[in-house]
C-alpha atoms as a PDB file:
ATOM      1  CA  UNK A   1      -8.674-314.304-114.202  1.00  0.00           C
ATOM      2  CA  UNK A   2      -9.211-316.167-118.024  1.00  0.00           C
ATOM      3  CA  UNK A   3      -5.627-317.531-119.439  1.00  0.00           C
ATOM      4  CA  UNK A   4      -5.884-314.422-122.221  1.00  0.00           C
ATOM      5  CA  UNK A   5      -5.681-311.871-120.137  1.00  0.00           C
ATOM      6  CA  UNK A   6      -3.113-313.450-118.076  1.00  0.00           C
ATOM      7  CA  UNK A   7      -1.329-313.621-121.473  1.00  0.00           C
ATOM      8  CA  UNK A   8      -1.999-309.961-121.841  1.00  0.00           C
ATOM      9  CA  UNK A   9      -0.430-308.726-118.363  1.00  0.00           C
ATOM     10  CA  UNK A  10       2.330-311.585-119.076  1.00  0.00           C
ATOM     11  CA  UNK A  11       3.423-310.220-122.369  1.00  0.00           C
ATOM     12  CA  UNK A  12       3.229-306.614-121.872  1.00  0.00           C
ATOM     13  CA  UNK A  13       5.077-307.102-118.152  1.00  0.00           C
ATOM     14  CA  UNK A  14       7.756-308.786-120.800  1.00  0.00           C
ATOM     15  CA  UNK A  15       7.403-305.806-123.630  1.00  0.00           C
ATOM     16  CA  UNK A  16       8.735-303.662-120.693  1.00  0.00           C
ATOM     17  CA  UNK A  17      12.512-301.740-121.217  1.00  0.00           C
ATOM     18  CA  UNK A  18      14.685-303.569-118.978  1.00  0.00           C
ATOM     19  CA  UNK A  19      12.295-306.576-117.861  1.00  0.00           C
ATOM     20  CA  UNK A  20      14.558-309.795-117.034  1.00  0.00           C
ATOM     21  CA  UNK A  21      12.832-313.076-116.938  1.00  0.00           C
ATOM     22  CA  UNK A  22      13.052-313.705-113.179  1.00  0.00           C
ATOM     23  CA  UNK A  23      10.805-310.264-112.456  1.00  0.00           C
ATOM     24  CA  UNK A  24       8.023-311.679-114.887  1.00  0.00           C
ATOM     25  CA  UNK A  25       8.700-315.770-113.235  1.00  0.00           C
ATOM     26  CA  UNK A  26       5.573-315.728-110.962  1.00  0.00           C
ATOM     27  CA  UNK A  27       3.541-314.274-113.961  1.00  0.00           C
ATOM     28  CA  UNK A  28       5.096-316.773-116.211  1.00  0.00           C
ATOM     29  CA  UNK A  29       4.005-319.591-113.952  1.00  0.00           C
ATOM     30  CA  UNK A  30       0.176-318.307-112.980  1.00  0.00           C
ATOM     31  CA  UNK A  31      -0.095-318.238-116.948  1.00  0.00           C
ATOM     32  CA  UNK A  32       1.284-321.396-117.209  1.00  0.00           C
ATOM     33  CA  UNK A  33      -0.837-322.962-114.480  1.00  0.00           C
ATOM     34  CA  UNK A  34      -3.962-321.686-115.936  1.00  0.00           C
ATOM     35  CA  UNK A  35      -3.434-323.218-119.618  1.00  0.00           C
ATOM     36  CA  UNK A  36      -2.420-326.385-118.386  1.00  0.00           C
ATOM     37  CA  UNK A  37      -5.449-326.596-116.040  1.00  0.00           C
ATOM     38  CA  UNK A  38      -7.717-325.747-119.089  1.00  0.00           C
ATOM     39  CA  UNK A  39      -6.105-328.599-120.842  1.00  0.00           C
ATOM     40  CA  UNK A  40      -5.913-330.867-117.510  1.00  0.00           C
ATOM     41  CA  UNK A  41     -10.057-331.075-118.203  1.00  0.00           C
ATOM     42  CA  UNK A  42     -10.149-330.246-121.831  1.00  0.00           C
ATOM     43  CA  UNK A  43     -11.865-326.837-122.096  1.00  0.00           C
ATOM     44  CA  UNK A  44      -9.088-326.066-124.433  1.00  0.00           C
ATOM     45  CA  UNK A  45      -8.569-327.201-127.809  1.00  0.00           C
ATOM     46  CA  UNK A  46      -6.320-328.861-128.894  1.00  0.00           C
ATOM     47  CA  UNK A  47      -4.806-326.962-131.326  1.00  0.00           C
ATOM     48  CA  UNK A  48      -4.389-323.558-129.101  1.00  0.00           C
ATOM     49  CA  UNK A  49      -2.712-325.280-126.868  1.00  0.00           C
ATOM     50  CA  UNK A  50      -0.054-326.751-129.291  1.00  0.00           C
ATOM     51  CA  UNK A  51       0.689-322.641-129.324  1.00  0.00           C
ATOM     52  CA  UNK A  52       2.319-322.785-126.171  1.00  0.00           C
ATOM     53  CA  UNK A  53       5.688-322.907-127.870  1.00  0.00           C
ATOM     54  CA  UNK A  54       4.765-319.637-129.835  1.00  0.00           C
ATOM     55  CA  UNK A  55       4.189-318.227-126.688  1.00  0.00           C
ATOM     56  CA  UNK A  56       6.812-319.088-125.131  1.00  0.00           C
ATOM     57  CA  UNK A  57       8.737-317.369-128.368  1.00  0.00           C
ATOM     58  CA  UNK A  58       7.298-314.590-127.986  1.00  0.00           C
ATOM     59  CA  UNK A  59       7.560-313.991-124.773  1.00  0.00           C
ATOM     60  CA  UNK A  60      11.472-314.542-124.934  1.00  0.00           C
ATOM     61  CA  UNK A  61      11.387-312.139-128.091  1.00  0.00           C
ATOM     62  CA  UNK A  62      10.097-309.790-126.071  1.00  0.00           C
ATOM     63  CA  UNK A  63      12.452-309.804-123.614  1.00  0.00           C
ATOM     64  CA  UNK A  64      15.496-309.897-125.525  1.00  0.00           C
ATOM     65  CA  UNK A  65      13.602-306.466-127.133  1.00  0.00           C
ATOM     66  CA  UNK A  66      13.316-305.285-123.426  1.00  0.00           C
ATOM     67  CA  UNK A  67      16.768-305.960-122.865  1.00  0.00           C
ATOM     68  CA  UNK A  68      18.605-305.687-126.553  1.00  0.00           C
ATOM     69  CA  UNK A  69      16.422-302.769-127.709  1.00  0.00           C
ATOM     70  CA  UNK A  70      15.872-305.147-130.905  1.00  0.00           C
ATOM     71  CA  UNK A  71      13.094-306.724-132.868  1.00  0.00           C
ATOM     72  CA  UNK A  72      14.340-310.149-134.284  1.00  0.00           C
ATOM     73  CA  UNK A  73      11.448-311.640-135.748  1.00  0.00           C
ATOM     74  CA  UNK A  74      10.981-315.185-137.337  1.00  0.00           C
ATOM     75  CA  UNK A  75      12.344-315.828-140.393  1.00  0.00           C
ATOM     76  CA  UNK A  76      13.064-318.777-143.212  1.00  0.00           C
ATOM     77  CA  UNK A  77      17.187-319.072-143.362  1.00  0.00           C
ATOM     78  CA  UNK A  78      18.948-320.435-145.928  1.00  0.00           C
ATOM     79  CA  UNK A  79      21.380-322.924-144.695  1.00  0.00           C
ATOM     80  CA  UNK A  80      24.043-325.609-146.812  1.00  0.00           C
ATOM     81  CA  UNK A  81      21.188-328.058-147.710  1.00  0.00           C
ATOM     82  CA  UNK A  82      17.995-326.811-146.219  1.00  0.00           C
ATOM     83  CA  UNK A  83      15.728-323.820-145.635  1.00  0.00           C
ATOM     84  CA  UNK A  84      15.233-323.143-141.867  1.00  0.00           C
ATOM     85  CA  UNK A  85      12.067-321.500-140.187  1.00  0.00           C
ATOM     86  CA  UNK A  86      13.704-320.255-136.813  1.00  0.00           C
ATOM     87  CA  UNK A  87      11.874-318.229-134.006  1.00  0.00           C
ATOM     88  CA  UNK A  88      14.657-314.414-133.724  1.00  0.00           C
ATOM     89  CA  UNK A  89      16.763-313.706-136.390  1.00  0.00           C
ATOM     90  CA  UNK A  90      19.294-310.680-136.106  1.00  0.00           C
ATOM     91  CA  UNK A  91      19.611-308.304-138.162  1.00  0.00           C
ATOM     92  CA  UNK A  92      16.145-309.442-140.223  1.00  0.00           C
ATOM     93  CA  UNK A  93      17.457-310.483-143.795  1.00  0.00           C
ATOM     94  CA  UNK A  94      14.722-309.482-145.104  1.00  0.00           C
ATOM     95  CA  UNK A  95      15.369-305.317-144.301  1.00  0.00           C
ATOM     96  CA  UNK A  96      19.146-305.796-144.342  1.00  0.00           C
ATOM     97  CA  UNK A  97      19.526-307.972-147.211  1.00  0.00           C
ATOM     98  CA  UNK A  98      22.654-309.943-145.492  1.00  0.00           C
ATOM     99  CA  UNK A  99      23.063-313.408-144.103  1.00  0.00           C
ATOM    100  CA  UNK A 100      22.093-313.303-140.044  1.00  0.00           C
ATOM    101  CA  UNK A 101      24.464-312.941-137.378  1.00  0.00           C
ATOM    102  CA  UNK A 102      22.750-314.430-134.544  1.00  0.00           C
ATOM    103  CA  UNK A 103      20.082-316.800-134.248  1.00  0.00           C
ATOM    104  CA  UNK A 104      17.763-317.721-131.424  1.00  0.00           C
ATOM    105  CA  UNK A 105      15.948-321.264-131.219  1.00  0.00           C
ATOM    106  CA  UNK A 106      13.059-320.833-128.279  1.00  0.00           C
ATOM    107  CA  UNK A 107      11.668-324.372-127.103  1.00  0.00           C
ATOM    108  CA  UNK A 108       8.876-325.605-124.720  1.00  0.00           C
ATOM    109  CA  UNK A 109       8.384-329.492-123.660  1.00  0.00           C
ATOM    110  CA  UNK A 110       6.046-330.800-121.298  1.00  0.00           C
ATOM    111  CA  UNK A 111       2.414-331.358-120.695  1.00  0.00           C
ATOM    112  CA  UNK A 112      -0.422-332.162-117.963  1.00  0.00           C
ATOM    113  CA  UNK A 113      -2.528-335.388-117.738  1.00  0.00           C
ATOM    114  CA  UNK A 114      -5.444-334.161-119.871  1.00  0.00           C
ATOM    115  CA  UNK A 115      -9.222-335.424-121.385  1.00  0.00           C
ATOM    116  CA  UNK A 116      -9.038-334.950-125.357  1.00  0.00           C
ATOM    117  CA  UNK A 117     -12.006-333.459-126.864  1.00  0.00           C
ATOM    118  CA  UNK A 118     -14.011-336.964-127.745  1.00  0.00           C
ATOM    119  CA  UNK A 119     -13.008-338.269-124.407  1.00  0.00           C
ATOM    120  CA  UNK A 120      -9.718-339.863-125.315  1.00  0.00           C
ATOM    121  CA  UNK A 121      -7.157-339.491-121.660  1.00  0.00           C
ATOM    122  CA  UNK A 122      -3.891-338.785-122.103  1.00  0.00           C
ATOM    123  CA  UNK A 123      -1.152-339.342-119.159  1.00  0.00           C
ATOM    124  CA  UNK A 124       1.072-336.339-118.105  1.00  0.00           C
ATOM    125  CA  UNK A 125       4.266-335.994-120.460  1.00  0.00           C
ATOM    126  CA  UNK A 126       7.777-334.391-118.884  1.00  0.00           C
ATOM    127  CA  UNK A 127      10.237-332.587-120.567  1.00  0.00           C
ATOM    128  CA  UNK A 128      12.327-335.329-120.608  1.00  0.00           C
ATOM    129  CA  UNK A 129      10.590-337.191-122.648  1.00  0.00           C
ATOM    130  CA  UNK A 130      10.385-335.219-126.414  1.00  0.00           C
ATOM    131  CA  UNK A 131      13.836-333.671-125.943  1.00  0.00           C
ATOM    132  CA  UNK A 132      16.093-336.170-127.852  1.00  0.00           C
ATOM    133  CA  UNK A 133      14.110-334.714-130.680  1.00  0.00           C
ATOM    134  CA  UNK A 134      13.745-331.157-130.086  1.00  0.00           C
ATOM    135  CA  UNK A 135      17.439-331.451-129.498  1.00  0.00           C
ATOM    136  CA  UNK A 136      18.280-333.128-132.756  1.00  0.00           C
ATOM    137  CA  UNK A 137      16.632-329.701-134.363  1.00  0.00           C
ATOM    138  CA  UNK A 138      18.868-327.321-132.337  1.00  0.00           C
ATOM    139  CA  UNK A 139      22.226-329.533-133.138  1.00  0.00           C
ATOM    140  CA  UNK A 140      21.370-329.748-137.231  1.00  0.00           C
ATOM    141  CA  UNK A 141      19.976-326.254-137.598  1.00  0.00           C
ATOM    142  CA  UNK A 142      23.209-324.298-136.017  1.00  0.00           C
ATOM    143  CA  UNK A 143      25.511-326.219-138.455  1.00  0.00           C
ATOM    144  CA  UNK A 144      23.624-326.298-141.148  1.00  0.00           C
ATOM    145  CA  UNK A 145      23.627-322.372-141.056  1.00  0.00           C
ATOM    146  CA  UNK A 146      27.251-322.316-140.340  1.00  0.00           C
ATOM    147  CA  UNK A 147      28.692-324.561-142.892  1.00  0.00           C
ATOM    148  CA  UNK A 148      26.470-322.011-144.983  1.00  0.00           C
ATOM    149  CA  UNK A 149      27.528-318.692-143.704  1.00  0.00           C
ATOM    150  CA  UNK A 150      31.272-319.436-142.258  1.00  0.00           C
ATOM    151  CA  UNK A 151      32.686-322.818-143.880  1.00  0.00           C
ATOM    152  CA  UNK A 152      33.590-326.123-142.585  1.00  0.00           C
ATOM    153  CA  UNK A 153      34.717-326.452-139.296  1.00  0.00           C
ATOM    154  CA  UNK A 154      38.176-325.806-137.465  1.00  0.00           C
ATOM    155  CA  UNK A 155      40.205-328.345-136.845  1.00  0.00           C
ATOM    156  CA  UNK A 156      39.426-327.757-132.965  1.00  0.00           C
ATOM    157  CA  UNK A 157      35.194-328.210-132.880  1.00  0.00           C
ATOM    158  CA  UNK A 158      34.530-326.243-129.555  1.00  0.00           C
ATOM    159  CA  UNK A 159      36.350-323.329-130.949  1.00  0.00           C
ATOM    160  CA  UNK A 160      34.436-323.284-134.156  1.00  0.00           C
ATOM    161  CA  UNK A 161      31.119-323.294-132.072  1.00  0.00           C
ATOM    162  CA  UNK A 162      32.503-320.783-130.320  1.00  0.00           C
ATOM    163  CA  UNK A 163      33.507-318.374-132.975  1.00  0.00           C
ATOM    164  CA  UNK A 164      31.142-319.705-136.068  1.00  0.00           C
ATOM    165  CA  UNK A 165      28.568-317.212-137.480  1.00  0.00           C
ATOM    166  CA  UNK A 166      25.628-316.973-137.320  1.00  0.00           C
ATOM    167  CA  UNK A 167      25.766-317.013-132.958  1.00  0.00           C
ATOM    168  CA  UNK A 168      22.996-319.346-131.942  1.00  0.00           C
ATOM    169  CA  UNK A 169      21.061-319.603-129.137  1.00  0.00           C
ATOM    170  CA  UNK A 170      18.403-321.821-127.351  1.00  0.00           C
ATOM    171  CA  UNK A 171      15.848-320.822-124.794  1.00  0.00           C
ATOM    172  CA  UNK A 172      14.254-323.567-123.146  1.00  0.00           C
ATOM    173  CA  UNK A 173      11.250-324.107-120.596  1.00  0.00           C
ATOM    174  CA  UNK A 174      10.650-328.190-119.338  1.00  0.00           C
ATOM    175  CA  UNK A 175       7.501-328.789-117.244  1.00  0.00           C
ATOM    176  CA  UNK A 176       8.871-331.490-114.779  1.00  0.00           C
ATOM    177  CA  UNK A 177       6.372-334.030-114.407  1.00  0.00           C
ATOM    178  CA  UNK A 178       5.256-335.419-111.218  1.00  0.00           C
ATOM    179  CA  UNK A 179       6.634-339.527-112.111  1.00  0.00           C
ATOM    180  CA  UNK A 180      10.381-338.096-113.591  1.00  0.00           C
ATOM    181  CA  UNK A 181      12.945-338.899-111.266  1.00  0.00           C
ATOM    182  CA  UNK A 182      16.008-337.382-110.241  1.00  0.00           C
ATOM    183  CA  UNK A 183      18.286-339.219-112.401  1.00  0.00           C
ATOM    184  CA  UNK A 184      15.539-337.881-115.425  1.00  0.00           C
ATOM    185  CA  UNK A 185      15.675-334.012-114.083  1.00  0.00           C
ATOM    186  CA  UNK A 186      19.920-334.419-113.765  1.00  0.00           C
ATOM    187  CA  UNK A 187      19.746-335.543-117.612  1.00  0.00           C
ATOM    188  CA  UNK A 188      17.868-332.437-118.846  1.00  0.00           C
ATOM    189  CA  UNK A 189      20.599-330.442-117.367  1.00  0.00           C
ATOM    190  CA  UNK A 190      23.355-332.703-118.687  1.00  0.00           C
ATOM    191  CA  UNK A 191      22.157-332.310-122.013  1.00  0.00           C
ATOM    192  CA  UNK A 192      21.729-328.617-122.234  1.00  0.00           C
ATOM    193  CA  UNK A 193      25.348-327.688-120.799  1.00  0.00           C
ATOM    194  CA  UNK A 194      26.656-330.274-123.751  1.00  0.00           C
ATOM    195  CA  UNK A 195      24.395-328.715-126.282  1.00  0.00           C
ATOM    196  CA  UNK A 196      25.768-325.926-125.417  1.00  0.00           C
ATOM    197  CA  UNK A 197      29.569-326.617-125.347  1.00  0.00           C
ATOM    198  CA  UNK A 198      29.408-328.548-128.885  1.00  0.00           C
ATOM    199  CA  UNK A 199      26.384-327.317-130.795  1.00  0.00           C
ATOM    200  CA  UNK A 200      24.822-323.742-129.544  1.00  0.00           C
ATOM    201  CA  UNK A 201      26.802-320.368-128.349  1.00  0.00           C
ATOM    202  CA  UNK A 202      24.225-320.499-125.079  1.00  0.00           C
ATOM    203  CA  UNK A 203      21.730-321.984-124.049  1.00  0.00           C
ATOM    204  CA  UNK A 204      19.334-321.140-121.744  1.00  0.00           C
ATOM    205  CA  UNK A 205      17.007-323.154-119.595  1.00  0.00           C
ATOM    206  CA  UNK A 206      14.065-322.807-116.982  1.00  0.00           C
ATOM    207  CA  UNK A 207      12.590-325.687-115.566  1.00  0.00           C
ATOM    208  CA  UNK A 208       9.003-325.614-113.379  1.00  0.00           C
ATOM    209  CA  UNK A 209       6.637-328.001-111.390  1.00  0.00           C
ATOM    210  CA  UNK A 210       2.929-328.719-109.900  1.00  0.00           C
ATOM    211  CA  UNK A 211       3.419-328.521-106.227  1.00  0.00           C
ATOM    212  CA  UNK A 212       1.285-331.508-104.201  1.00  0.00           C
ATOM    213  CA  UNK A 213      -1.505-328.504-103.771  1.00  0.00           C
ATOM    214  CA  UNK A 214      -1.638-328.158-107.601  1.00  0.00           C
ATOM    215  CA  UNK A 215       0.259-324.785-107.654  1.00  0.00           C
ATOM    216  CA  UNK A 216       2.952-323.962-110.159  1.00  0.00           C
ATOM    217  CA  UNK A 217       6.323-323.458-109.062  1.00  0.00           C
ATOM    218  CA  UNK A 218      10.274-323.427-109.981  1.00  0.00           C
ATOM    219  CA  UNK A 219      12.009-326.467-109.766  1.00  0.00           C
ATOM    220  CA  UNK A 220      13.813-326.413-106.751  1.00  0.00           C
ATOM    221  CA  UNK A 221      17.330-327.099-108.076  1.00  0.00           C
ATOM    222  CA  UNK A 222      19.192-324.451-109.460  1.00  0.00           C
ATOM    223  CA  UNK A 223      19.750-323.957-112.668  1.00  0.00           C
ATOM    224  CA  UNK A 224      24.444-323.713-113.842  1.00  0.00           C
ATOM    225  CA  UNK A 225      26.014-320.419-113.785  1.00  0.00           C
ATOM    226  CA  UNK A 226      25.669-319.627-117.220  1.00  0.00           C
ATOM    227  CA  UNK A 227      22.675-320.934-118.411  1.00  0.00           C
ATOM    228  CA  UNK A 228      19.930-319.591-116.830  1.00  0.00           C
ATOM    229  CA  UNK A 229      17.283-317.369-119.275  1.00  0.00           C
ATOM    230  CA  UNK A 230      18.424-314.203-117.555  1.00  0.00           C
ATOM    231  CA  UNK A 231      21.501-314.415-117.957  1.00  0.00           C
ATOM    232  CA  UNK A 232      21.698-315.936-121.979  1.00  0.00           C
ATOM    233  CA  UNK A 233      19.508-313.050-123.142  1.00  0.00           C
ATOM    234  CA  UNK A 234      22.259-310.854-121.585  1.00  0.00           C
ATOM    235  CA  UNK A 235      24.736-312.853-124.362  1.00  0.00           C
ATOM    236  CA  UNK A 236      22.713-312.242-126.661  1.00  0.00           C
ATOM    237  CA  UNK A 237      22.628-308.703-126.065  1.00  0.00           C
ATOM    238  CA  UNK A 238      26.308-308.247-125.607  1.00  0.00           C
ATOM    239  CA  UNK A 239      26.223-309.828-129.471  1.00  0.00           C
ATOM    240  CA  UNK A 240      24.390-307.420-130.153  1.00  0.00           C
ATOM    241  CA  UNK A 241      26.350-304.518-129.354  1.00  0.00           C
ATOM    242  CA  UNK A 242      29.271-306.289-131.163  1.00  0.00           C
ATOM    243  CA  UNK A 243      27.908-306.295-134.420  1.00  0.00           C
END
């Protein structure tokens, strides 16, 4: 099935009321296997492939709507020193004309070895390669937003992170490269946990890999409790109900 048809099936399933990520996991892996297969052979443009982050964002937004019953559009929101382009915002500041209460950012990292249209060969990139750069985005952004809409930190930083507005969540997908060591994979998990403890209200992440036969599968190591995609979407829904 062409990749765009696989996407239509995936996003359609995600949008059905009550859907959880675990219920569409196989469809997600099938879609990524198709897209990355085309990228590997140079049969999808760099511009198209760069949309994978937007696909992940749209998939997460569909799941949030399916579970929470609300639409969280992407919006630009003013922080203390910068204006931030955000993947999901609730409530919609353009409709309700007030500060956001909940913000969600979606990040997808990792790509297969591939051939550029000019014939240049690019090596496989694991999810850990660009992690530090992406982490900076979701560390600074919530602080700047909260300084604008809540005020300076309390005496206890972790308490401020738990209670400041907007509530800030991040949802991640990592493609684990064949060359990434166990230490690198552990580093991803450790950094996700620290991100949730010190900077974000909640962090959900998913790791997947390609097996020796070229099939995509969930990475075998379990995600720590409280850090799965579905658990964090449920936390987002709980916040929506409270507000």
